Amino acid sequence: MPLRRSCLQCETKGPNCFCSLDRVALGRLESVGHWLRLEAKQEVLREGYAPDHVYVVCSGTLKLTTSSMDGRLLLLRIVGPGDVLGLSAALQRTRYEASAETLELCQLKAIPRTHFLLFMEEFQAVARNSLMAVTREYGSAVLSARRLALSTSAASKLGSVLLDWGGLVLAGEHELMGGSAPNTVSFHMPLTHEELGHMAGISRETVTRTLTALRRDGLLYLENDQMQLRDIARLQQQVG
């Protein structure tokens, strides 16, 4: 369903946000492509398909997944407001390397690949932000590989996933307390235990046991699909 928004009035403008642009560039961004409003569980990108569009996430969260030849699924990361989907494939003119599916109601800006490349050529800041976005994608891939290969415990693997998610939420809110990052964060957790296991590289049963232990230790509060990390600093120490 199309949705009308304003890039000039959008509040998603953090330091790691693709949309951290001046008003002239934001005006151009508003004029290209079209808006999308998608309900949960709708596909935005499909792995292996040609990159016809680039998608800027305006609100909501999505999951990026990739699959093996035998159908096994790996949940790569969660993306949120200010992230860009399909950027690497669009720049390299290769096929999408992952699929993207909405986890909740999402609003996106869909920009045809050719229009996006012209947008990059017109504004140096857009090219810079695109480079930073691709760099963050690489960093996220390294972090995922490190979590799967080097983390020694289930608590460390799952804790790393939850800290990543909490960091995404805090980055989107630009929330600071006394000049330092807050030690708690609350967010909607739409993933099942099985999906969390795919992301952390552990079984569904292990996810359930680990969440119970984190709650018992006072690091986590969970009610239905609402999650709160109650002591980020201590959880970071536990993850290592």
Foldseek 3Di string as FASTA:
>chain_A
DFDQDALQPAPQQFPLFLSVDDPVLSVVLNVAATKDKDFFFDWDADAPAWQFKKKAWRAAKKWKWAADPVGDIATQAMDGHRAMPPLVCLVVRGTHHTIIGGLGTTMIGIGTSVSLVVSCVVDVSSVVSSVSNVVVVVVSNVVQVCLQPPFDDLLLLLLVRVLRVQVNVCSRVVDDDPNHRDQKGKDFASDQLQNSCSSSVHHSVSSVVSVVVCVVVVQWDDDDRMIMGRGNVVSVVVND
